Amino acid sequence: MPTDVSVLRLKPQLIESDYYHHPSELVNGGKISGSYTTRDLINAIPAHCWKPTYTRSFFYLFRDLAVVAAFLYTAYNYIPQIPFGPLRWVAWATYGYFKGQQVTGLWVLGHEAGHGAFLPDHYSNEFMGWVLHSVLLTPYFSWQSTHRRHHIYANNLAKDHNYVPVTTAKYASLLRVDLEKLEETTEDSPLVNLIRILVQQLLGFPWYLLTNITSSQGSLAAGKTKNPPSKWPLGNSHFSPMSTLYRPEEGHLIIASDIGLGITLAGVYYASIIVGWPMTLLLWLQPYLWLNHWIVAVTYLHHTHPDVPKYQPEAWTFLKGATATIDRGLGFGGKHFMHNIADFHVVHHLFSKIPQCHAEEATRAIQPLLKDSYHEDKQRSFWGCIYESFTKCQYVVASDPDAAPKDCVMIYKGGRRLLLNGTWVEVD
C-alpha cells in the first residue's frame, strides 16, 4: 500500500528516477470530486487489493504460456495439412488473431512487473518483466522509464508521454491558416481514415519506440526538456543510451533492454533456419502485429475520447490527470486473455501498484468517491470507438476561453480538413 501522501520537494531528475513513492507524493496531488484526496481513495480500497502473490501471478503466467504453446503446436502441426487453400489462410488468420490476444496478455503481465505489481519482490519483478517484454520485442527498462513518467504526468499537455494532442494554435500552424478558420472542419473520407487507422494500429508502437511520437517536448529526460528533439537516428528512441529520453545513469539499463531484444531476434533467426522463413512469419510475425495493434488500441482508447479532458500545467494535478482516462470494454478476450487491462484502467492510472486481478474490485470501491470524474464507455463496438476517437479527437481547445489558467480545461475537437476560401486544405 502506498506510503503517506505528502508532496516531496524533489528535483525533476529525482522524480523521474523515483519508483517507490506514489506520484501524488512527487507532484501536486490535488483533490477530486471537490474534496477527496489520494489518501481518501487509498483508504477506500480493501487492503488485499494491494498485494500481489507468487501463487496467483504464476498461475496467470503459466496459464498464458500454456495457451500460447497450444496455439503454436496446433498451428504448426495441423494448419499446413488443410488441403483447401482459402480455408487454410482463414485458419492462419484465426490463429494470428487469437494468439495475438494471448501474447498481449503476457505483455500485460510484463507491464505489471514494470510497475512492481506482478510479484512481491522487486528483483523478481524486474527479471520477469525483462524476460516477458524482451520476448515480445519491447525494450523493458527503456519502456519502464518513460512509462513511469507517463503515469506521473498523465494528461499534462506539457509533460505526458502518450497521445498528447496538439492545441488549436499548433493545429492551425500545421495548416498555415488563421485560428478563426479552425472550426470549419469536416472528416476525411472513410477510406482515408481506414488507411490511417491501419497504419497507426500496425506500426504505431514500434514507431513510438523509435521516435517518441505523440509525446510532448517536456517528456524528455530532466535537463533535456529545453533542448529540441535530437535529429540523429535513434536520438529520440527507446533503443539508444544516448537518447534524449534518458539520463546518463540509465545507460546500462537501456543497453540491457537492447540485449534482451537481440536475444529474441537471434532466436527468431534460428527458428527460421529450422522451419523456414514462411512458417516463421506465419507463426511469429502475425501475432506480433496483433500485439502491436492491441498495445496501441488499448492505450489510445484509454486516453482519447470526446468526453475526456486534458490539462495545461497550470490547471493540472495528479488526480485530474489520472482520472482523465476512460475504461473501455474489449469483451471476452479483453477480460480473460488481456487481464482486464482495458476494462479497468482508470484505477490503474490512480494506483499502478494494484495487480490487475484486483482492478475491478478496487474500481468499485472508489467509484462512489470519484463520482462524475469516473469515465467508462463499454457498451459500444470496439471499431466504432476507434473511429470516433480517430475522427473527433484531433486537437484540443479551452472549454472556457475566459477561464483563469488554473481553472482551464482542454477538450477535444475533430476533423482533419479545413474549408478555407472554398478550398479543402489537408493536414500533413
Protein backbone atom coordinates (compact mmCIF):
# COMPACT_ATOMS: atom_id res chain seq x y z
CA MET A 1 0.00 0.00 0.00
CA PRO A 2 1.35 3.50 -0.78
CA THR A 3 3.06 5.45 1.93
CA ASP A 4 1.53 8.59 3.42
CA VAL A 5 0.88 11.20 0.74
CA SER A 6 2.69 14.46 1.20
CA VAL A 7 4.39 16.19 -1.71
CA LEU A 8 8.14 15.63 -1.60
CA ARG A 9 10.20 18.53 -2.89
CA LEU A 10 12.46 16.67 -5.28
CA LYS A 11 14.39 17.84 -8.29
CA PRO A 12 12.94 16.69 -11.64
CA GLN A 13 15.67 14.11 -12.18
CA LEU A 14 14.92 12.61 -8.75
CA ILE A 15 11.19 12.50 -9.50
CA GLU A 16 11.89 10.62 -12.74
CA SER A 17 14.04 8.02 -11.01
CA ASP A 18 11.70 7.50 -8.02
CA TYR A 19 9.79 4.24 -8.47
CA TYR A 20 8.91 3.87 -4.80
CA HIS A 21 6.69 6.81 -3.92
CA HIS A 22 3.20 7.32 -5.27
CA PRO A 23 3.12 10.08 -7.95
CA SER A 24 0.93 12.27 -5.74
CA GLU A 25 3.84 12.37 -3.29
CA LEU A 26 6.13 13.70 -6.00
CA VAL A 27 3.91 16.28 -7.73
CA ASN A 28 0.78 18.25 -6.88
CA GLY A 29 -1.75 15.57 -5.95
CA GLY A 30 -4.82 17.80 -5.88
CA LYS A 31 -8.36 16.75 -5.00
CA ILE A 32 -11.14 15.01 -6.88
CA SER A 33 -14.93 15.44 -6.71
CA GLY A 34 -14.39 18.61 -4.75
CA SER A 35 -12.84 17.23 -1.58
CA TYR A 36 -11.33 13.74 -1.90
CA THR A 37 -7.55 13.30 -1.82
CA THR A 38 -5.39 10.38 -2.86
CA ARG A 39 -5.37 9.22 0.76
CA ASP A 40 -9.17 9.04 0.76
CA LEU A 41 -9.11 6.82 -2.31
CA ILE A 42 -6.39 4.61 -0.79
CA ASN A 43 -8.44 4.13 2.36
CA ALA A 44 -11.49 3.08 0.33
CA ILE A 45 -9.69 0.19 -1.37
CA PRO A 46 -9.56 -3.16 0.50
CA ALA A 47 -6.08 -3.93 1.81
CA HIS A 48 -5.73 -7.23 -0.06
CA CYS A 49 -6.08 -5.44 -3.40
CA TRP A 50 -2.57 -4.01 -3.00
CA LYS A 51 -0.82 -7.34 -2.52
CA PRO A 52 0.48 -9.44 -5.42
CA THR A 53 1.19 -13.08 -4.60
CA TYR A 54 3.53 -15.59 -6.19
CA THR A 55 0.74 -18.17 -6.40
CA ARG A 56 -1.78 -16.06 -8.28
CA SER A 57 0.77 -14.34 -10.50
CA PHE A 58 2.50 -17.56 -11.58
CA PHE A 59 -0.89 -19.16 -12.18
CA TYR A 60 -1.72 -16.44 -14.72
CA LEU A 61 1.76 -16.65 -16.24
CA PHE A 62 1.75 -20.43 -16.72
CA ARG A 63 -1.86 -20.37 -17.91
CA ASP A 64 -0.98 -17.81 -20.57
CA LEU A 65 2.14 -19.73 -21.60
CA ALA A 66 0.13 -22.95 -21.87
CA VAL A 67 -2.44 -21.29 -24.14
CA VAL A 68 0.31 -19.79 -26.32
CA ALA A 69 2.01 -23.20 -26.56
CA ALA A 70 -1.29 -24.85 -27.50
CA PHE A 71 -1.89 -22.29 -30.27
CA LEU A 72 1.67 -22.74 -31.54
CA TYR A 73 1.55 -26.54 -31.51
CA THR A 74 -1.83 -26.69 -33.21
CA ALA A 75 -0.93 -24.16 -35.90
CA TYR A 76 2.44 -25.73 -36.72
CA ASN A 77 1.18 -29.31 -36.88
CA TYR A 78 -2.32 -29.04 -38.29
CA ILE A 79 -2.93 -25.86 -40.30
CA PRO A 80 -0.45 -26.79 -43.09
CA GLN A 81 -2.37 -30.05 -43.54
CA ILE A 82 -5.60 -28.26 -44.54
CA PRO A 83 -5.88 -29.04 -48.27
CA PHE A 84 -8.22 -26.22 -49.31
CA GLY A 85 -6.11 -23.05 -49.72
CA PRO A 86 -8.69 -20.38 -48.72
CA LEU A 87 -9.67 -22.38 -45.65
CA ARG A 88 -6.00 -22.77 -44.73
CA TRP A 89 -5.48 -19.00 -44.88
CA VAL A 90 -8.58 -18.42 -42.77
CA ALA A 91 -7.11 -20.82 -40.21
CA TRP A 92 -3.79 -18.95 -40.22
CA ALA A 93 -5.58 -15.60 -39.79
CA THR A 94 -7.65 -17.01 -36.92
CA TYR A 95 -4.51 -18.32 -35.26
CA GLY A 96 -2.81 -14.93 -35.56
CA TYR A 97 -5.77 -13.08 -34.08
CA PHE A 98 -6.28 -15.25 -31.03
CA LYS A 99 -2.62 -15.86 -30.32
CA GLY A 100 -2.10 -12.10 -30.67
CA GLN A 101 -4.61 -11.54 -27.87
CA GLN A 102 -2.90 -14.10 -25.66
CA VAL A 103 0.62 -12.74 -26.15
CA THR A 104 -0.83 -9.32 -25.36
CA GLY A 105 -1.83 -10.87 -22.05
CA LEU A 106 1.81 -11.85 -21.50
CA TRP A 107 2.81 -8.28 -22.36
CA VAL A 108 0.34 -7.04 -19.74
CA LEU A 109 1.99 -9.26 -17.13
CA GLY A 110 5.36 -7.73 -18.07
CA HIS A 111 3.71 -4.32 -17.80
CA GLU A 112 2.56 -5.21 -14.28
CA ALA A 113 6.10 -6.25 -13.41
CA GLY A 114 7.29 -2.85 -14.60
CA HIS A 115 5.04 -1.26 -12.01
CA GLY A 116 6.12 -3.67 -9.27
CA ALA A 117 2.62 -5.19 -9.23
CA PHE A 118 3.26 -8.69 -10.59
CA LEU A 119 5.37 -10.28 -7.83
CA PRO A 120 6.07 -9.23 -4.21
CA ASP A 121 9.84 -8.98 -4.76
CA HIS A 122 11.47 -6.10 -6.65
CA TYR A 123 14.21 -8.11 -8.36
CA SER A 124 11.80 -10.87 -9.37
CA ASN A 125 9.56 -8.25 -10.97
CA GLU A 126 12.47 -6.75 -12.88
CA PHE A 127 13.69 -10.12 -14.14
CA MET A 128 10.24 -11.34 -15.20
CA GLY A 129 9.40 -8.01 -16.83
CA TRP A 130 12.68 -8.02 -18.77
CA VAL A 131 12.10 -11.59 -19.98
CA LEU A 132 8.45 -11.14 -20.97
CA HIS A 133 8.91 -7.83 -22.72
CA SER A 134 12.15 -8.83 -24.44
CA VAL A 135 10.47 -11.89 -25.95
CA LEU A 136 7.74 -9.55 -27.26
CA LEU A 137 10.28 -7.05 -28.67
CA THR A 138 9.61 -4.34 -26.10
CA PRO A 139 12.75 -2.78 -24.55
CA TYR A 140 11.76 -3.37 -20.94
CA PHE A 141 13.84 -0.91 -18.87
CA SER A 142 13.69 1.74 -21.58
CA TRP A 143 9.91 1.49 -21.73
CA GLN A 144 9.66 1.31 -17.93
CA SER A 145 11.42 4.66 -17.56
CA THR A 146 9.21 6.60 -19.97
CA HIS A 147 6.07 4.78 -18.85
CA ARG A 148 6.75 5.81 -15.27
CA ARG A 149 6.85 9.45 -16.41
CA HIS A 150 3.58 8.90 -18.27
CA HIS A 151 1.97 7.77 -15.02
CA ILE A 152 3.35 10.70 -13.05
CA TYR A 153 2.26 13.32 -15.61
CA ALA A 154 -0.75 11.68 -17.29
CA ASN A 155 -2.73 14.14 -19.43
CA ASN A 156 -0.40 17.03 -18.66
CA LEU A 157 -0.03 18.62 -22.10
CA ALA A 158 3.50 19.78 -21.32
CA LYS A 159 4.96 16.57 -19.86
CA ASP A 160 2.94 13.48 -20.78
CA HIS A 161 4.40 10.68 -22.91
CA ASN A 162 1.34 9.16 -24.61
CA TYR A 163 -1.12 10.60 -27.14
CA VAL A 164 -0.54 14.24 -26.32
CA PRO A 165 -2.83 16.21 -28.65
CA VAL A 166 -1.86 19.49 -30.26
CA THR A 167 -3.55 22.74 -29.29
CA THR A 168 -5.52 24.92 -31.69
CA ALA A 169 -2.51 27.15 -32.33
CA LYS A 170 -0.29 24.18 -33.22
CA TYR A 171 -3.00 22.58 -35.33
CA ALA A 172 -3.58 25.82 -37.24
CA SER A 173 0.17 26.30 -37.76
CA LEU A 174 0.35 22.86 -39.38
CA LEU A 175 -2.22 24.10 -41.88
CA ARG A 176 -0.88 27.66 -42.10
CA VAL A 177 -4.35 29.07 -41.54
CA ASP A 178 -5.88 31.54 -39.10
CA LEU A 179 -7.26 30.24 -35.82
CA GLU A 180 -10.64 31.68 -36.75
CA LYS A 181 -10.91 29.18 -39.61
CA LEU A 182 -10.25 26.16 -37.44
CA GLU A 183 -13.90 25.47 -36.68
CA GLU A 184 -14.74 24.99 -40.37
CA THR A 185 -13.83 21.31 -40.33
CA THR A 186 -15.05 18.07 -41.75
CA GLU A 187 -13.88 14.47 -41.62
CA ASP A 188 -11.73 12.69 -44.19
CA SER A 189 -13.31 10.07 -46.39
CA PRO A 190 -13.90 6.70 -44.69
CA LEU A 191 -11.26 5.08 -46.91
CA VAL A 192 -8.58 7.62 -45.95
CA ASN A 193 -9.43 7.23 -42.28
CA LEU A 194 -9.33 3.44 -42.60
CA ILE A 195 -5.82 3.57 -44.08
CA ARG A 196 -4.63 5.92 -41.36
CA ILE A 197 -6.15 3.72 -38.66
CA LEU A 198 -4.46 0.60 -40.08
CA VAL A 199 -1.07 2.35 -40.18
CA GLN A 200 -1.49 3.51 -36.59
CA GLN A 201 -2.63 0.12 -35.33
CA LEU A 202 0.07 -1.95 -37.04
CA LEU A 203 3.06 0.38 -36.79
CA GLY A 204 2.18 2.81 -34.02
CA PHE A 205 4.00 1.08 -31.18
CA PRO A 206 7.31 0.43 -32.99
CA TRP A 207 7.11 3.98 -34.34
CA TYR A 208 6.67 5.32 -30.80
CA LEU A 209 9.64 3.25 -29.57
CA LEU A 210 11.76 4.56 -32.45
CA THR A 211 10.80 8.25 -32.41
CA ASN A 212 8.85 9.06 -29.22
CA ILE A 213 5.93 10.13 -31.42
CA THR A 214 2.79 11.51 -29.70
CA SER A 215 4.85 12.70 -26.72
CA SER A 216 5.29 16.27 -25.51
CA GLN A 217 8.54 18.22 -25.50
CA GLY A 218 8.52 18.08 -21.72
CA SER A 219 8.57 14.29 -21.81
CA LEU A 220 12.30 14.28 -22.46
CA ALA A 221 14.63 13.43 -19.62
CA ALA A 222 15.24 16.03 -16.93
CA GLY A 223 17.77 18.58 -18.10
CA LYS A 224 16.93 17.97 -21.77
CA THR A 225 13.41 19.39 -21.98
CA LYS A 226 14.63 22.84 -23.05
CA ASN A 227 16.54 21.39 -25.99
CA PRO A 228 14.88 20.48 -29.28
CA PRO A 229 14.45 16.77 -30.05
CA SER A 230 17.53 15.14 -31.49
CA LYS A 231 17.87 14.93 -35.28
CA TRP A 232 20.22 11.94 -35.09
CA PRO A 233 18.94 8.44 -35.92
CA LEU A 234 17.63 6.86 -32.70
CA GLY A 235 18.31 10.14 -30.92
CA ASN A 236 14.75 10.21 -29.51
CA SER A 237 14.29 6.45 -29.38
CA HIS A 238 13.90 3.83 -26.67
CA PHE A 239 16.94 1.96 -28.01
CA SER A 240 19.90 4.31 -27.53
CA PRO A 241 21.54 5.05 -24.16
CA MET A 242 22.33 8.49 -25.63
CA SER A 243 18.66 9.19 -26.39
CA THR A 244 17.09 12.45 -25.24
CA LEU A 245 14.64 10.32 -23.26
CA TYR A 246 17.17 9.14 -20.69
CA ARG A 247 19.55 10.36 -18.04
CA PRO A 248 23.21 9.25 -18.28
CA GLU A 249 22.84 6.99 -15.25
CA GLU A 250 20.17 4.97 -17.09
CA GLY A 251 22.56 3.99 -19.88
CA HIS A 252 23.28 0.48 -18.60
CA LEU A 253 19.54 -0.24 -18.37
CA ILE A 254 18.97 0.81 -21.96
CA ILE A 255 21.79 -1.50 -23.04
CA ALA A 256 20.27 -4.35 -21.00
CA SER A 257 16.97 -3.74 -22.80
CA ASP A 258 18.72 -3.90 -26.17
CA ILE A 259 20.47 -7.15 -25.21
CA GLY A 260 17.08 -8.70 -24.47
CA LEU A 261 15.81 -7.66 -27.90
CA GLY A 262 18.95 -9.02 -29.54
CA ILE A 263 18.50 -12.41 -27.90
CA THR A 264 14.90 -12.57 -29.13
CA LEU A 265 15.80 -11.61 -32.71
CA ALA A 266 18.58 -14.20 -32.69
CA GLY A 267 16.01 -16.77 -31.57
CA VAL A 268 13.67 -15.78 -34.40
CA TYR A 269 16.51 -16.13 -36.91
CA TYR A 270 17.44 -19.55 -35.54
CA ALA A 271 13.80 -20.64 -35.76
CA SER A 272 13.73 -19.54 -39.40
CA ILE A 273 16.69 -21.81 -40.14
CA ILE A 274 14.81 -24.76 -38.67
CA VAL A 275 11.30 -24.23 -40.04
CA GLY A 276 11.90 -21.69 -42.83
CA TRP A 277 11.01 -18.03 -43.10
CA PRO A 278 7.44 -18.50 -44.41
CA MET A 279 6.50 -20.64 -41.42
CA THR A 280 8.36 -18.33 -39.02
CA LEU A 281 6.48 -15.31 -40.29
CA LEU A 282 3.14 -17.07 -40.03
CA LEU A 283 3.82 -18.38 -36.54
CA TRP A 284 5.59 -15.31 -35.14
CA LEU A 285 5.02 -12.15 -37.20
CA GLN A 286 1.22 -12.44 -37.33
CA PRO A 287 0.73 -12.49 -33.54
CA TYR A 288 3.40 -9.79 -33.19
CA LEU A 289 1.44 -7.44 -35.45
CA TRP A 290 -1.71 -8.15 -33.48
CA LEU A 291 0.24 -7.43 -30.28
CA ASN A 292 1.21 -4.04 -31.69
CA HIS A 293 -2.42 -3.43 -32.58
CA TRP A 294 -3.69 -4.19 -29.08
CA ILE A 295 -1.00 -2.15 -27.30
CA VAL A 296 -1.81 0.87 -29.46
CA ALA A 297 -5.58 0.35 -29.31
CA VAL A 298 -5.76 -0.04 -25.55
CA THR A 299 -3.52 2.95 -24.87
CA TYR A 300 -5.21 5.10 -27.49
CA LEU A 301 -8.76 4.36 -26.34
CA HIS A 302 -7.90 4.93 -22.68
CA HIS A 303 -6.61 8.42 -23.32
CA THR A 304 -8.64 9.62 -26.29
CA HIS A 305 -12.37 10.29 -26.05
CA PRO A 306 -14.53 13.36 -26.73
CA ASP A 307 -15.58 13.46 -23.06
CA VAL A 308 -12.11 13.03 -21.54
CA PRO A 309 -10.23 16.29 -20.83
CA LYS A 310 -6.58 17.32 -20.97
CA TYR A 311 -4.83 19.98 -18.88
CA GLN A 312 -2.21 22.64 -19.25
CA PRO A 313 0.40 22.61 -16.44
CA GLU A 314 -1.24 25.49 -14.54
CA ALA A 315 -4.51 23.57 -14.18
CA TRP A 316 -3.10 20.06 -13.90
CA THR A 317 -2.89 17.95 -10.76
CA PHE A 318 -2.12 14.26 -10.45
CA LEU A 319 -5.73 13.35 -9.64
CA LYS A 320 -7.12 15.42 -12.51
CA GLY A 321 -4.74 13.76 -14.95
CA ALA A 322 -5.17 10.22 -13.68
CA THR A 323 -8.97 10.41 -13.85
CA ALA A 324 -8.87 11.96 -17.34
CA THR A 325 -8.76 8.40 -18.67
CA ILE A 326 -11.62 6.08 -19.55
CA ASP A 327 -12.43 2.42 -19.01
CA ARG A 328 -13.29 0.52 -22.20
CA GLY A 329 -14.80 -2.90 -22.84
CA LEU A 330 -12.99 -5.42 -25.06
CA GLY A 331 -15.25 -8.40 -24.46
CA PHE A 332 -14.14 -11.93 -23.61
CA GLY A 333 -10.62 -11.52 -24.99
CA GLY A 334 -10.01 -8.32 -23.07
CA LYS A 335 -11.19 -9.84 -19.82
CA HIS A 336 -9.61 -13.30 -19.98
CA PHE A 337 -6.72 -13.03 -22.43
CA MET A 338 -5.59 -9.47 -21.68
CA HIS A 339 -6.24 -9.42 -17.93
CA ASN A 340 -8.81 -6.61 -17.88
CA ILE A 341 -6.21 -4.06 -18.93
CA ALA A 342 -8.81 -2.09 -20.90
CA ASP A 343 -11.86 -2.67 -18.70
CA PHE A 344 -10.39 -1.19 -15.51
CA HIS A 345 -7.67 1.23 -16.49
CA VAL A 346 -8.72 4.33 -14.53
CA VAL A 347 -7.81 2.70 -11.23
CA HIS A 348 -4.52 1.59 -12.78
CA HIS A 349 -3.66 5.21 -13.51
CA LEU A 350 -4.54 6.17 -9.97
CA PHE A 351 -2.70 3.25 -8.34
CA SER A 352 -0.44 1.34 -10.71
CA LYS A 353 0.80 -0.99 -7.96
CA ILE A 354 -2.59 -2.69 -7.70
CA PRO A 355 -2.41 -6.05 -9.54
CA GLN A 356 -4.78 -6.14 -12.49
CA CYS A 357 -6.57 -9.15 -11.00
CA HIS A 358 -7.86 -6.82 -8.25
CA ALA A 359 -8.57 -3.85 -10.52
CA GLU A 360 -12.32 -4.47 -10.77
CA GLU A 361 -12.79 -4.69 -7.01
CA ALA A 362 -10.64 -1.59 -6.46
CA THR A 363 -12.61 0.30 -9.12
CA ARG A 364 -15.94 -0.50 -7.48
CA ALA A 365 -14.53 0.66 -4.14
CA ILE A 366 -13.54 4.14 -5.35
CA GLN A 367 -16.36 4.85 -7.80
CA PRO A 368 -18.58 6.45 -5.12
CA LEU A 369 -15.77 8.91 -4.36
CA LEU A 370 -14.86 9.65 -7.98
CA LYS A 371 -18.49 10.40 -8.93
CA ASP A 372 -18.58 12.25 -12.27
CA SER A 373 -14.80 12.13 -12.51
CA TYR A 374 -15.01 8.43 -13.38
CA HIS A 375 -15.37 7.71 -17.11
CA GLU A 376 -16.34 4.49 -18.85
CA ASP A 377 -17.58 3.53 -22.31
CA LYS A 378 -18.07 -0.23 -22.53
CA GLN A 379 -21.27 -0.76 -24.49
CA ARG A 380 -20.27 0.29 -27.99
CA SER A 381 -18.29 -1.64 -30.59
CA PHE A 382 -14.51 -1.56 -30.46
CA TRP A 383 -14.04 -0.34 -34.03
CA GLY A 384 -16.78 2.25 -33.60
CA CYS A 385 -14.89 3.68 -30.63
CA ILE A 386 -11.61 3.66 -32.58
CA TYR A 387 -13.22 5.53 -35.47
CA GLU A 388 -14.85 8.07 -33.16
CA SER A 389 -11.60 8.86 -31.36
CA PHE A 390 -9.71 8.99 -34.64
CA THR A 391 -12.08 11.48 -36.28
CA LYS A 392 -13.36 13.56 -33.35
CA CYS A 393 -10.22 13.89 -31.22
CA GLN A 394 -7.62 15.69 -33.36
CA TYR A 395 -6.72 18.75 -31.29
CA VAL A 396 -7.75 20.43 -28.03
CA VAL A 397 -9.28 23.80 -27.20
CA ALA A 398 -10.10 25.54 -23.94
CA SER A 399 -13.63 24.67 -22.85
CA ASP A 400 -13.90 28.21 -21.48
CA PRO A 401 -11.55 30.69 -23.21
CA ASP A 402 -12.11 33.21 -20.41
CA ALA A 403 -11.20 30.84 -17.58
CA ALA A 404 -8.14 31.54 -15.46
CA PRO A 405 -5.16 29.28 -16.33
CA LYS A 406 -5.56 27.27 -13.12
CA ASP A 407 -9.21 26.56 -13.94
CA CYS A 408 -8.85 25.88 -17.66
CA VAL A 409 -9.98 22.50 -19.01
CA MET A 410 -8.92 21.47 -22.51
CA ILE A 411 -11.38 19.45 -24.61
CA TYR A 412 -11.08 17.60 -27.91
CA LYS A 413 -12.22 18.83 -31.30
CA GLY A 414 -12.17 16.83 -34.53
CA GLY A 415 -11.74 16.92 -38.27
CA ARG A 416 -8.63 16.77 -40.40
CA ARG A 417 -9.60 19.09 -43.26
CA LEU A 418 -10.38 22.80 -43.24
CA LEU A 419 -12.60 24.69 -45.66
CA LEU A 420 -10.53 27.76 -46.44
CA ASN A 421 -11.87 30.20 -49.03
CA GLY A 422 -13.79 27.41 -50.72
CA THR A 423 -10.79 25.03 -50.82
CA TRP A 424 -10.21 21.95 -48.67
CA VAL A 425 -6.78 22.09 -47.00
CA GLU A 426 -5.31 18.81 -45.73
CA VAL A 427 -3.27 18.27 -42.56
CA ASP A 428 0.21 16.98 -43.36
